Amino acid sequence: TVQEIASLLIRKELPIQKIAEDFSFCSASYFS
């Protein structure tokens, strides 16, 4: 999961909130 999140975070065109939602985190703060 961490490897995939890291690879998505380096793609600036993807909003961080969208990445959190795609991984089913219940909130942005928990994702952070």
PDB file of all heavy atoms in Angstrom:
ATOM      1  N   THR A   1       0.833  -1.204   0.000  1.00  0.00           N
ATOM      2  CA  THR A   1       0.000   0.000   0.000  1.00  0.00           C
ATOM      3  C   THR A   1       0.867   1.253   0.000  1.00  0.00           C
ATOM      4  O   THR A   1       0.623   2.188  -0.767  1.00  0.00           O
ATOM      5  CB  THR A   1      -0.938  -0.001   1.224  1.00  0.00           C
ATOM      6  OG1 THR A   1      -1.762  -1.171   1.172  1.00  0.00           O
ATOM      7  CG2 THR A   1      -1.812   1.230   1.269  1.00  0.00           C
ATOM      8  N   VAL A   2       1.874   1.282   0.838  1.00  0.00           N
ATOM      9  CA  VAL A   2       2.755   2.455   0.933  1.00  0.00           C
ATOM     10  C   VAL A   2       3.506   2.672  -0.378  1.00  0.00           C
ATOM     11  O   VAL A   2       3.653   3.817  -0.834  1.00  0.00           O
ATOM     12  CB  VAL A   2       3.728   2.313   2.124  1.00  0.00           C
ATOM     13  CG1 VAL A   2       4.820   3.355   2.084  1.00  0.00           C
ATOM     14  CG2 VAL A   2       2.958   2.404   3.433  1.00  0.00           C
ATOM     15  N   GLN A   3       3.956   1.600  -1.013  1.00  0.00           N
ATOM     16  CA  GLN A   3       4.638   1.750  -2.303  1.00  0.00           C
ATOM     17  C   GLN A   3       3.713   2.374  -3.341  1.00  0.00           C
ATOM     18  O   GLN A   3       4.122   3.259  -4.097  1.00  0.00           O
ATOM     19  CB  GLN A   3       5.135   0.392  -2.807  1.00  0.00           C
ATOM     20  CG  GLN A   3       6.299  -0.152  -2.044  1.00  0.00           C
ATOM     21  CD  GLN A   3       6.691  -1.553  -2.503  1.00  0.00           C
ATOM     22  OE1 GLN A   3       6.092  -2.138  -3.391  1.00  0.00           O
ATOM     23  NE2 GLN A   3       7.722  -2.094  -1.881  1.00  0.00           N
ATOM     24  N   GLU A   4       2.468   1.924  -3.372  1.00  0.00           N
ATOM     25  CA  GLU A   4       1.510   2.461  -4.345  1.00  0.00           C
ATOM     26  C   GLU A   4       1.154   3.912  -4.018  1.00  0.00           C
ATOM     27  O   GLU A   4       1.095   4.759  -4.914  1.00  0.00           O
ATOM     28  CB  GLU A   4       0.255   1.590  -4.383  1.00  0.00           C
ATOM     29  CG  GLU A   4      -0.735   1.996  -5.435  1.00  0.00           C
ATOM     30  CD  GLU A   4      -0.221   1.864  -6.868  1.00  0.00           C
ATOM     31  OE1 GLU A   4       0.733   1.098  -7.129  1.00  0.00           O
ATOM     32  OE2 GLU A   4      -0.783   2.543  -7.752  1.00  0.00           O
ATOM     33  N   ILE A   5       0.936   4.212  -2.750  1.00  0.00           N
ATOM     34  CA  ILE A   5       0.634   5.597  -2.356  1.00  0.00           C
ATOM     35  C   ILE A   5       1.793   6.515  -2.741  1.00  0.00           C
ATOM     36  O   ILE A   5       1.579   7.594  -3.300  1.00  0.00           O
ATOM     37  CB  ILE A   5       0.331   5.684  -0.843  1.00  0.00           C
ATOM     38  CG1 ILE A   5      -1.047   5.082  -0.551  1.00  0.00           C
ATOM     39  CG2 ILE A   5       0.410   7.127  -0.344  1.00  0.00           C
ATOM     40  CD1 ILE A   5      -1.366   4.943   0.923  1.00  0.00           C
ATOM     41  N   ALA A   6       3.011   6.092  -2.475  1.00  0.00           N
ATOM     42  CA  ALA A   6       4.182   6.914  -2.809  1.00  0.00           C
ATOM     43  C   ALA A   6       4.253   7.168  -4.307  1.00  0.00           C
ATOM     44  O   ALA A   6       4.516   8.300  -4.733  1.00  0.00           O
ATOM     45  CB  ALA A   6       5.462   6.243  -2.313  1.00  0.00           C
ATOM     46  N   SER A   7       3.985   6.141  -5.102  1.00  0.00           N
ATOM     47  CA  SER A   7       4.060   6.334  -6.552  1.00  0.00           C
ATOM     48  C   SER A   7       2.957   7.266  -7.057  1.00  0.00           C
ATOM     49  O   SER A   7       3.157   8.001  -8.025  1.00  0.00           O
ATOM     50  CB  SER A   7       4.018   4.999  -7.284  1.00  0.00           C
ATOM     51  OG  SER A   7       2.745   4.413  -7.207  1.00  0.00           O
ATOM     52  N   LEU A   8       1.813   7.260  -6.393  1.00  0.00           N
ATOM     53  CA  LEU A   8       0.734   8.166  -6.796  1.00  0.00           C
ATOM     54  C   LEU A   8       0.974   9.596  -6.304  1.00  0.00           C
ATOM     55  O   LEU A   8       0.614  10.554  -6.985  1.00  0.00           O
ATOM     56  CB  LEU A   8      -0.611   7.653  -6.281  1.00  0.00           C
ATOM     57  CG  LEU A   8      -1.089   6.342  -6.909  1.00  0.00           C
ATOM     58  CD1 LEU A   8      -2.345   5.848  -6.203  1.00  0.00           C
ATOM     59  CD2 LEU A   8      -1.326   6.502  -8.392  1.00  0.00           C
ATOM     60  N   LEU A   9       1.575   9.737  -5.131  1.00  0.00           N
ATOM     61  CA  LEU A   9       1.823  11.079  -4.605  1.00  0.00           C
ATOM     62  C   LEU A   9       2.784  11.880  -5.478  1.00  0.00           C
ATOM     63  O   LEU A   9       2.692  13.103  -5.525  1.00  0.00           O
ATOM     64  CB  LEU A   9       2.355  11.002  -3.168  1.00  0.00           C
ATOM     65  CG  LEU A   9       1.330  10.705  -2.085  1.00  0.00           C
ATOM     66  CD1 LEU A   9       2.022  10.487  -0.740  1.00  0.00           C
ATOM     67  CD2 LEU A   9       0.299  11.822  -1.983  1.00  0.00           C
ATOM     68  N   ILE A  10       3.698  11.216  -6.158  1.00  0.00           N
ATOM     69  CA  ILE A  10       4.647  11.975  -6.985  1.00  0.00           C
ATOM     70  C   ILE A  10       4.004  12.471  -8.274  1.00  0.00           C
ATOM     71  O   ILE A  10       4.592  13.288  -8.968  1.00  0.00           O
ATOM     72  CB  ILE A  10       5.929  11.177  -7.290  1.00  0.00           C
ATOM     73  CG1 ILE A  10       5.646   9.931  -8.099  1.00  0.00           C
ATOM     74  CG2 ILE A  10       6.680  10.855  -6.015  1.00  0.00           C
ATOM     75  CD1 ILE A  10       6.894   9.208  -8.573  1.00  0.00           C
ATOM     76  N   ARG A  11       2.805  12.019  -8.554  1.00  0.00           N
ATOM     77  CA  ARG A  11       2.081  12.501  -9.739  1.00  0.00           C
ATOM     78  C   ARG A  11       1.255  13.723  -9.331  1.00  0.00           C
ATOM     79  O   ARG A  11       0.181  13.596  -8.759  1.00  0.00           O
ATOM     80  CB  ARG A  11       1.193  11.389 -10.288  1.00  0.00           C
ATOM     81  CG  ARG A  11       2.003  10.213 -10.786  1.00  0.00           C
ATOM     82  CD  ARG A  11       1.165   9.071 -11.253  1.00  0.00           C
ATOM     83  NE  ARG A  11       0.198   9.504 -12.253  1.00  0.00           N
ATOM     84  CZ  ARG A  11      -0.877   8.804 -12.581  1.00  0.00           C
ATOM     85  NH1 ARG A  11      -1.129   7.661 -11.990  1.00  0.00           N
ATOM     86  NH2 ARG A  11      -1.705   9.248 -13.497  1.00  0.00           N
ATOM     87  N   LYS A  12       1.780  14.885  -9.621  1.00  0.00           N
ATOM     88  CA  LYS A  12       1.161  16.130  -9.165  1.00  0.00           C
ATOM     89  C   LYS A  12      -0.241  16.370  -9.710  1.00  0.00           C
ATOM     90  O   LYS A  12      -1.009  17.121  -9.127  1.00  0.00           O
ATOM     91  CB  LYS A  12       2.057  17.323  -9.498  1.00  0.00           C
ATOM     92  CG  LYS A  12       3.253  17.418  -8.607  1.00  0.00           C
ATOM     93  CD  LYS A  12       3.937  18.752  -8.757  1.00  0.00           C
ATOM     94  CE  LYS A  12       4.983  18.889  -7.677  1.00  0.00           C
ATOM     95  NZ  LYS A  12       5.474  20.228  -7.549  1.00  0.00           N
ATOM     96  N   GLU A  13      -0.593  15.713 -10.823  1.00  0.00           N
ATOM     97  CA  GLU A  13      -1.921  15.925 -11.396  1.00  0.00           C
ATOM     98  C   GLU A  13      -3.022  15.230 -10.587  1.00  0.00           C
ATOM     99  O   GLU A  13      -4.201  15.528 -10.767  1.00  0.00           O
ATOM    100  CB  GLU A  13      -1.973  15.476 -12.862  1.00  0.00           C
ATOM    101  CG  GLU A  13      -1.950  13.973 -13.084  1.00  0.00           C
ATOM    102  CD  GLU A  13      -0.554  13.362 -13.104  1.00  0.00           C
ATOM    103  OE1 GLU A  13       0.425  14.061 -12.818  1.00  0.00           O
ATOM    104  OE2 GLU A  13      -0.466  12.164 -13.411  1.00  0.00           O
ATOM    105  N   LEU A  14      -2.639  14.328  -9.681  1.00  0.00           N
ATOM    106  CA  LEU A  14      -3.625  13.638  -8.847  1.00  0.00           C
ATOM    107  C   LEU A  14      -3.793  14.376  -7.522  1.00  0.00           C
ATOM    108  O   LEU A  14      -2.827  14.521  -6.772  1.00  0.00           O
ATOM    109  CB  LEU A  14      -3.168  12.205  -8.558  1.00  0.00           C
ATOM    110  CG  LEU A  14      -3.120  11.248  -9.729  1.00  0.00           C
ATOM    111  CD1 LEU A  14      -2.512   9.922  -9.291  1.00  0.00           C
ATOM    112  CD2 LEU A  14      -4.514  11.031 -10.286  1.00  0.00           C
ATOM    113  N   PRO A  15      -4.989  14.823  -7.212  1.00  0.00           N
ATOM    114  CA  PRO A  15      -5.203  15.474  -5.920  1.00  0.00           C
ATOM    115  C   PRO A  15      -4.979  14.491  -4.765  1.00  0.00           C
ATOM    116  O   PRO A  15      -5.343  13.312  -4.861  1.00  0.00           O
ATOM    117  CB  PRO A  15      -6.668  15.909  -5.963  1.00  0.00           C
ATOM    118  CG  PRO A  15      -7.050  15.865  -7.405  1.00  0.00           C
ATOM    119  CD  PRO A  15      -6.179  14.837  -8.050  1.00  0.00           C
ATOM    120  N   ILE A  16      -4.378  14.965  -3.704  1.00  0.00           N
ATOM    121  CA  ILE A  16      -4.104  14.116  -2.547  1.00  0.00           C
ATOM    122  C   ILE A  16      -5.409  13.552  -1.987  1.00  0.00           C
ATOM    123  O   ILE A  16      -5.474  12.379  -1.605  1.00  0.00           O
ATOM    124  CB  ILE A  16      -3.301  14.892  -1.479  1.00  0.00           C
ATOM    125  CG1 ILE A  16      -1.894  15.182  -2.028  1.00  0.00           C
ATOM    126  CG2 ILE A  16      -3.229  14.118  -0.169  1.00  0.00           C
ATOM    127  CD1 ILE A  16      -1.055  16.095  -1.171  1.00  0.00           C
ATOM    128  N   GLN A  17      -6.454  14.348  -1.962  1.00  0.00           N
ATOM    129  CA  GLN A  17      -7.757  13.891  -1.465  1.00  0.00           C
ATOM    130  C   GLN A  17      -8.261  12.704  -2.293  1.00  0.00           C
ATOM    131  O   GLN A  17      -8.806  11.749  -1.752  1.00  0.00           O
ATOM    132  CB  GLN A  17      -8.776  15.036  -1.498  1.00  0.00           C
ATOM    133  CG  GLN A  17     -10.142  14.654  -0.976  1.00  0.00           C
ATOM    134  CD  GLN A  17     -10.136  14.324   0.496  1.00  0.00           C
ATOM    135  OE1 GLN A  17      -9.434  14.966   1.289  1.00  0.00           O
ATOM    136  NE2 GLN A  17     -10.907  13.340   0.889  1.00  0.00           N
ATOM    137  N   LYS A  18      -8.047  12.730  -3.594  1.00  0.00           N
ATOM    138  CA  LYS A  18      -8.479  11.641  -4.477  1.00  0.00           C
ATOM    139  C   LYS A  18      -7.718  10.361  -4.161  1.00  0.00           C
ATOM    140  O   LYS A  18      -8.288   9.266  -4.145  1.00  0.00           O
ATOM    141  CB  LYS A  18      -8.264  12.044  -5.948  1.00  0.00           C
ATOM    142  CG  LYS A  18      -8.483  10.953  -6.948  1.00  0.00           C
ATOM    143  CD  LYS A  18      -9.943  10.819  -7.315  1.00  0.00           C
ATOM    144  CE  LYS A  18     -10.136   9.923  -8.522  1.00  0.00           C
ATOM    145  NZ  LYS A  18     -10.496   8.574  -8.207  1.00  0.00           N
ATOM    146  N   ILE A  19      -6.430  10.482  -3.898  1.00  0.00           N
ATOM    147  CA  ILE A  19      -5.620   9.308  -3.545  1.00  0.00           C
ATOM    148  C   ILE A  19      -6.149   8.706  -2.246  1.00  0.00           C
ATOM    149  O   ILE A  19      -6.327   7.490  -2.143  1.00  0.00           O
ATOM    150  CB  ILE A  19      -4.129   9.676  -3.426  1.00  0.00           C
ATOM    151  CG1 ILE A  19      -3.592  10.181  -4.773  1.00  0.00           C
ATOM    152  CG2 ILE A  19      -3.305   8.490  -2.933  1.00  0.00           C
ATOM    153  CD1 ILE A  19      -2.220  10.816  -4.707  1.00  0.00           C
ATOM    154  N   ALA A  20      -6.426   9.558  -1.265  1.00  0.00           N
ATOM    155  CA  ALA A  20      -6.974   9.084   0.015  1.00  0.00           C
ATOM    156  C   ALA A  20      -8.298   8.363  -0.200  1.00  0.00           C
ATOM    157  O   ALA A  20      -8.538   7.291   0.360  1.00  0.00           O
ATOM    158  CB  ALA A  20      -7.139  10.247   0.981  1.00  0.00           C
ATOM    159  N   GLU A  21      -9.157   8.922  -1.027  1.00  0.00           N
ATOM    160  CA  GLU A  21     -10.455   8.302  -1.313  1.00  0.00           C
ATOM    161  C   GLU A  21     -10.289   6.976  -2.040  1.00  0.00           C
ATOM    162  O   GLU A  21     -10.979   6.002  -1.733  1.00  0.00           O
ATOM    163  CB  GLU A  21     -11.317   9.243  -2.139  1.00  0.00           C
ATOM    164  CG  GLU A  21     -11.812  10.451  -1.392  1.00  0.00           C
ATOM    165  CD  GLU A  21     -12.460  11.492  -2.289  1.00  0.00           C
ATOM    166  OE1 GLU A  21     -12.608  11.237  -3.517  1.00  0.00           O
ATOM    167  OE2 GLU A  21     -12.810  12.564  -1.774  1.00  0.00           O
ATOM    168  N   ASP A  22      -9.376   6.923  -2.995  1.00  0.00           N
ATOM    169  CA  ASP A  22      -9.148   5.694  -3.760  1.00  0.00           C
ATOM    170  C   ASP A  22      -8.673   4.545  -2.873  1.00  0.00           C
ATOM    171  O   ASP A  22      -8.922   3.380  -3.175  1.00  0.00           O
ATOM    172  CB  ASP A  22      -8.142   5.922  -4.886  1.00  0.00           C
ATOM    173  CG  ASP A  22      -8.718   6.756  -6.016  1.00  0.00           C
ATOM    174  OD1 ASP A  22      -9.942   6.993  -6.040  1.00  0.00           O
ATOM    175  OD2 ASP A  22      -7.925   7.185  -6.882  1.00  0.00           O
ATOM    176  N   PHE A  23      -7.995   4.863  -1.785  1.00  0.00           N
ATOM    177  CA  PHE A  23      -7.535   3.841  -0.853  1.00  0.00           C
ATOM    178  C   PHE A  23      -8.498   3.660   0.323  1.00  0.00           C
ATOM    179  O   PHE A  23      -8.181   2.980   1.291  1.00  0.00           O
ATOM    180  CB  PHE A  23      -6.123   4.173  -0.344  1.00  0.00           C
ATOM    181  CG  PHE A  23      -5.057   3.810  -1.332  1.00  0.00           C
ATOM    182  CD1 PHE A  23      -4.686   4.702  -2.328  1.00  0.00           C
ATOM    183  CD2 PHE A  23      -4.445   2.577  -1.300  1.00  0.00           C
ATOM    184  CE1 PHE A  23      -3.713   4.370  -3.258  1.00  0.00           C
ATOM    185  CE2 PHE A  23      -3.473   2.233  -2.223  1.00  0.00           C
ATOM    186  CZ  PHE A  23      -3.103   3.128  -3.208  1.00  0.00           C
ATOM    187  N   SER A  24      -9.662   4.289   0.215  1.00  0.00           N
ATOM    188  CA  SER A  24     -10.749   4.133   1.202  1.00  0.00           C
ATOM    189  C   SER A  24     -10.387   4.587   2.614  1.00  0.00           C
ATOM    190  O   SER A  24     -10.862   4.019   3.594  1.00  0.00           O
ATOM    191  CB  SER A  24     -11.247   2.688   1.232  1.00  0.00           C
ATOM    192  OG  SER A  24     -11.733   2.316  -0.027  1.00  0.00           O
ATOM    193  N   PHE A  25      -9.555   5.619   2.704  1.00  0.00           N
ATOM    194  CA  PHE A  25      -9.310   6.208   4.017  1.00  0.00           C
ATOM    195  C   PHE A  25     -10.553   6.985   4.425  1.00  0.00           C
ATOM    196  O   PHE A  25     -11.167   7.647   3.587  1.00  0.00           O
ATOM    197  CB  PHE A  25      -8.077   7.112   3.994  1.00  0.00           C
ATOM    198  CG  PHE A  25      -6.790   6.348   4.043  1.00  0.00           C
ATOM    199  CD1 PHE A  25      -6.187   5.904   2.872  1.00  0.00           C
ATOM    200  CD2 PHE A  25      -6.180   6.038   5.249  1.00  0.00           C
ATOM    201  CE1 PHE A  25      -5.006   5.183   2.897  1.00  0.00           C
ATOM    202  CE2 PHE A  25      -4.998   5.318   5.294  1.00  0.00           C
ATOM    203  CZ  PHE A  25      -4.404   4.887   4.114  1.00  0.00           C
ATOM    204  N   CYS A  26     -10.914   6.908   5.686  1.00  0.00           N
ATOM    205  CA  CYS A  26     -12.158   7.530   6.143  1.00  0.00           C
ATOM    206  C   CYS A  26     -12.066   9.054   6.190  1.00  0.00           C
ATOM    207  O   CYS A  26     -13.094   9.724   6.170  1.00  0.00           O
ATOM    208  CB  CYS A  26     -12.575   6.963   7.493  1.00  0.00           C
ATOM    209  SG  CYS A  26     -11.357   7.175   8.800  1.00  0.00           S
ATOM    210  N   SER A  27     -10.859   9.594   6.241  1.00  0.00           N
ATOM    211  CA  SER A  27     -10.697  11.046   6.251  1.00  0.00           C
ATOM    212  C   SER A  27      -9.309  11.409   5.740  1.00  0.00           C
ATOM    213  O   SER A  27      -8.389  10.591   5.756  1.00  0.00           O
ATOM    214  CB  SER A  27     -10.880  11.604   7.662  1.00  0.00           C
ATOM    215  OG  SER A  27      -9.802  11.221   8.497  1.00  0.00           O
ATOM    216  N   ALA A  28      -9.183  12.658   5.327  1.00  0.00           N
ATOM    217  CA  ALA A  28      -7.888  13.151   4.858  1.00  0.00           C
ATOM    218  C   ALA A  28      -6.873  13.171   6.002  1.00  0.00           C
ATOM    219  O   ALA A  28      -5.688  12.901   5.782  1.00  0.00           O
ATOM    220  CB  ALA A  28      -8.037  14.535   4.255  1.00  0.00           C
ATOM    221  N   SER A  29      -7.325  13.464   7.212  1.00  0.00           N
ATOM    222  CA  SER A  29      -6.390  13.514   8.339  1.00  0.00           C
ATOM    223  C   SER A  29      -5.866  12.120   8.685  1.00  0.00           C
ATOM    224  O   SER A  29      -4.692  11.970   9.026  1.00  0.00           O
ATOM    225  CB  SER A  29      -7.028  14.171   9.558  1.00  0.00           C
ATOM    226  OG  SER A  29      -8.106  13.419  10.032  1.00  0.00           O
ATOM    227  N   TYR A  30      -6.706  11.094   8.581  1.00  0.00           N
ATOM    228  CA  TYR A  30      -6.232   9.728   8.832  1.00  0.00           C
ATOM    229  C   TYR A  30      -5.237   9.311   7.748  1.00  0.00           C
ATOM    230  O   TYR A  30      -4.211   8.690   8.044  1.00  0.00           O
ATOM    231  CB  TYR A  30      -7.399   8.746   8.905  1.00  0.00           C
ATOM    232  CG  TYR A  30      -6.949   7.350   9.226  1.00  0.00           C
ATOM    233  CD1 TYR A  30      -6.416   7.030  10.476  1.00  0.00           C
ATOM    234  CD2 TYR A  30      -7.005   6.355   8.264  1.00  0.00           C
ATOM    235  CE1 TYR A  30      -5.962   5.752  10.762  1.00  0.00           C
ATOM    236  CE2 TYR A  30      -6.560   5.074   8.541  1.00  0.00           C
ATOM    237  CZ  TYR A  30      -6.041   4.775   9.790  1.00  0.00           C
ATOM    238  OH  TYR A  30      -5.585   3.513  10.061  1.00  0.00           O
ATOM    239  N   PHE A  31      -5.520   9.666   6.509  1.00  0.00           N
ATOM    240  CA  PHE A  31      -4.590   9.388   5.406  1.00  0.00           C
ATOM    241  C   PHE A  31      -3.249  10.067   5.678  1.00  0.00           C
ATOM    242  O   PHE A  31      -2.196   9.451   5.530  1.00  0.00           O
ATOM    243  CB  PHE A  31      -5.178   9.867   4.081  1.00  0.00           C
ATOM    244  CG  PHE A  31      -4.254   9.714   2.906  1.00  0.00           C
ATOM    245  CD1 PHE A  31      -3.960   8.467   2.384  1.00  0.00           C
ATOM    246  CD2 PHE A  31      -3.679  10.827   2.310  1.00  0.00           C
ATOM    247  CE1 PHE A  31      -3.099   8.323   1.301  1.00  0.00           C
ATOM    248  CE2 PHE A  31      -2.821  10.697   1.232  1.00  0.00           C
ATOM    249  CZ  PHE A  31      -2.534   9.438   0.721  1.00  0.00           C
ATOM    250  N   SER A  32      -3.292  11.307   6.093  1.00  0.00           N
ATOM    251  CA  SER A  32      -2.069  12.051   6.376  1.00  0.00           C
ATOM    252  C   SER A  32      -1.276  11.381   7.498  1.00  0.00           C
ATOM    253  O   SER A  32      -0.052  11.231   7.392  1.00  0.00           O
ATOM    254  CB  SER A  32      -2.402  13.495   6.746  1.00  0.00           C
ATOM    255  OG  SER A  32      -1.217  14.224   6.954  1.00  0.00           O
TER     256      SER A  32
END
